C-alpha cells in the first residue's frame, strides 16, 4: 500500500472545500474567534477532516 503525504491530502482538501465555505460555516455556527493562532482556522478544519479519512 502506498502512503499519501499529508501535504497532498491538505492541498486536496483545500481544493475540495474552499476557504470561504469554511469561514462561512464557522460564522454561521458562531465558531469564529478573533484570537491570533499559529494556524488559520480553515487549516485546522482541513486537518480535522483529514484525520477522519
N, C-alpha and C. Protein backbone atom coordinates (compact mmCIF):
# COMPACT_ATOMS: atom_id res chain seq x y z
N UNK A 1 0.85 -1.17 0.00
CA UNK A 1 0.00 0.00 0.00
C UNK A 1 0.90 1.24 0.00
N UNK A 2 0.59 2.20 -0.84
CA UNK A 2 1.35 3.44 -0.92
C UNK A 2 0.81 4.46 0.06
N UNK A 3 1.70 5.11 0.78
CA UNK A 3 1.28 6.16 1.72
C UNK A 3 1.11 7.46 0.95
N UNK A 4 0.12 8.24 1.36
CA UNK A 4 -0.12 9.54 0.76
C UNK A 4 0.45 10.58 1.71
N UNK A 5 1.24 11.49 1.18
CA UNK A 5 1.84 12.52 2.02
C UNK A 5 0.77 13.47 2.56
N UNK A 6 0.97 13.92 3.78
CA UNK A 6 -0.02 14.79 4.43
C UNK A 6 -0.22 16.09 3.66
N UNK A 7 0.83 16.63 3.08
CA UNK A 7 0.70 17.86 2.30
C UNK A 7 -0.21 17.70 1.10
N UNK A 8 -0.15 16.53 0.48
CA UNK A 8 -1.01 16.24 -0.66
C UNK A 8 -2.47 16.20 -0.23
N UNK A 9 -2.73 15.57 0.90
CA UNK A 9 -4.10 15.47 1.41
C UNK A 9 -4.64 16.86 1.75
N UNK A 10 -3.84 17.67 2.42
CA UNK A 10 -4.30 19.02 2.79
C UNK A 10 -4.57 19.88 1.57
N UNK A 11 -3.73 19.79 0.56
CA UNK A 11 -3.96 20.55 -0.67
C UNK A 11 -5.25 20.10 -1.36
N UNK A 12 -5.48 18.79 -1.36
CA UNK A 12 -6.71 18.27 -1.96
C UNK A 12 -7.93 18.74 -1.19
N UNK A 13 -7.87 18.74 0.14
CA UNK A 13 -8.99 19.21 0.95
C UNK A 13 -9.24 20.70 0.73
N UNK A 14 -8.18 21.49 0.67
CA UNK A 14 -8.34 22.92 0.44
C UNK A 14 -8.95 23.20 -0.93
N UNK A 15 -8.67 22.33 -1.90
CA UNK A 15 -9.27 22.48 -3.22
C UNK A 15 -10.74 22.07 -3.19
N UNK A 16 -11.03 20.98 -2.49
CA UNK A 16 -12.40 20.46 -2.44
C UNK A 16 -13.31 21.32 -1.58
N UNK A 17 -12.76 21.89 -0.51
CA UNK A 17 -13.56 22.71 0.41
C UNK A 17 -12.93 24.10 0.45
N UNK A 18 -13.49 25.05 -0.27
CA UNK A 18 -12.89 26.39 -0.33
C UNK A 18 -12.84 27.07 1.04
N UNK A 19 -11.82 27.87 1.24
CA UNK A 19 -11.64 28.62 2.49
C UNK A 19 -12.89 29.43 2.82
N UNK A 20 -13.52 30.00 1.82
CA UNK A 20 -14.71 30.82 2.04
C UNK A 20 -15.86 29.99 2.61
N UNK A 21 -16.00 28.74 2.15
CA UNK A 21 -17.06 27.87 2.66
C UNK A 21 -16.83 27.54 4.13
N UNK A 22 -15.58 27.29 4.48
CA UNK A 22 -15.25 27.00 5.88
C UNK A 22 -15.50 28.23 6.73
N UNK A 23 -15.05 29.39 6.27
CA UNK A 23 -15.26 30.64 7.01
C UNK A 23 -16.74 30.92 7.22
N UNK A 24 -17.55 30.68 6.18
CA UNK A 24 -19.00 30.91 6.28
C UNK A 24 -19.63 29.94 7.28
N UNK A 25 -19.23 28.68 7.24
CA UNK A 25 -19.76 27.69 8.18
C UNK A 25 -19.39 28.05 9.62
N UNK A 26 -18.17 28.52 9.82
CA UNK A 26 -17.76 28.92 11.16
C UNK A 26 -18.53 30.14 11.64
N UNK A 27 -18.78 31.08 10.76
CA UNK A 27 -19.56 32.26 11.12
C UNK A 27 -21.01 31.89 11.41
N UNK A 28 -21.58 31.00 10.60
CA UNK A 28 -22.97 30.56 10.79
C UNK A 28 -23.17 29.85 12.13
N UNK A 29 -22.13 29.15 12.60
CA UNK A 29 -22.24 28.41 13.86
C UNK A 29 -21.60 29.17 15.03
N UNK A 30 -21.24 30.43 14.78
CA UNK A 30 -20.62 31.29 15.80
C UNK A 30 -19.35 30.66 16.37
N UNK A 31 -18.58 30.00 15.50
CA UNK A 31 -17.34 29.35 15.91
C UNK A 31 -16.11 30.17 15.57
N UNK A 32 -16.31 31.31 14.95
CA UNK A 32 -15.16 32.14 14.58
C UNK A 32 -14.71 32.94 15.79
N UNK A 33 -13.42 33.10 15.92
CA UNK A 33 -12.82 33.81 17.04
C UNK A 33 -11.88 34.89 16.51
N UNK A 34 -11.60 35.84 17.37
CA UNK A 34 -10.71 36.95 16.99
C UNK A 34 -9.26 36.70 17.40
N UNK A 35 -8.97 35.57 18.03
CA UNK A 35 -7.62 35.31 18.51
C UNK A 35 -6.65 35.06 17.36
N UNK A 36 -5.39 35.37 17.60
CA UNK A 36 -4.34 35.04 16.64
C UNK A 36 -3.85 33.64 16.95
N UNK A 37 -3.75 32.81 15.93
CA UNK A 37 -3.31 31.44 16.10
C UNK A 37 -2.14 31.15 15.18
N UNK A 38 -1.43 30.08 15.51
CA UNK A 38 -0.31 29.67 14.66
C UNK A 38 -0.82 29.26 13.29
N UNK A 39 -1.94 28.52 13.25
CA UNK A 39 -2.55 28.09 12.00
C UNK A 39 -3.92 28.73 11.86
N UNK A 40 -4.25 29.19 10.66
CA UNK A 40 -5.59 29.75 10.44
C UNK A 40 -6.68 28.69 10.65
N UNK A 41 -7.87 29.14 10.99
CA UNK A 41 -8.98 28.24 11.29
C UNK A 41 -9.29 27.29 10.14
N UNK A 42 -9.23 27.77 8.89
CA UNK A 42 -9.58 26.89 7.77
C UNK A 42 -8.58 25.74 7.64
N UNK A 43 -7.33 25.95 8.03
CA UNK A 43 -6.34 24.87 8.00
C UNK A 43 -6.66 23.84 9.09
N UNK A 44 -7.05 24.31 10.27
CA UNK A 44 -7.41 23.40 11.35
C UNK A 44 -8.62 22.55 10.96
N UNK A 45 -9.61 23.16 10.33
CA UNK A 45 -10.78 22.40 9.87
C UNK A 45 -10.34 21.33 8.87
N UNK A 46 -9.49 21.68 7.94
CA UNK A 46 -8.99 20.69 6.96
C UNK A 46 -8.23 19.56 7.66
N UNK A 47 -7.44 19.89 8.68
CA UNK A 47 -6.71 18.86 9.42
C UNK A 47 -7.67 17.90 10.14
N UNK A 48 -8.72 18.45 10.74
CA UNK A 48 -9.70 17.61 11.42
C UNK A 48 -10.40 16.68 10.42
N UNK A 49 -10.75 17.23 9.28
CA UNK A 49 -11.39 16.39 8.24
C UNK A 49 -10.42 15.30 7.78
N UNK A 50 -9.17 15.66 7.59
CA UNK A 50 -8.16 14.68 7.14
C UNK A 50 -7.97 13.58 8.17
N UNK A 51 -8.05 13.90 9.45
CA UNK A 51 -7.90 12.88 10.49
C UNK A 51 -9.02 11.85 10.44
N UNK A 52 -10.18 12.25 9.92
CA UNK A 52 -11.33 11.35 9.86
C UNK A 52 -11.34 10.50 8.58
N UNK A 53 -10.43 10.76 7.67
CA UNK A 53 -10.40 9.99 6.42
C UNK A 53 -9.78 8.63 6.63
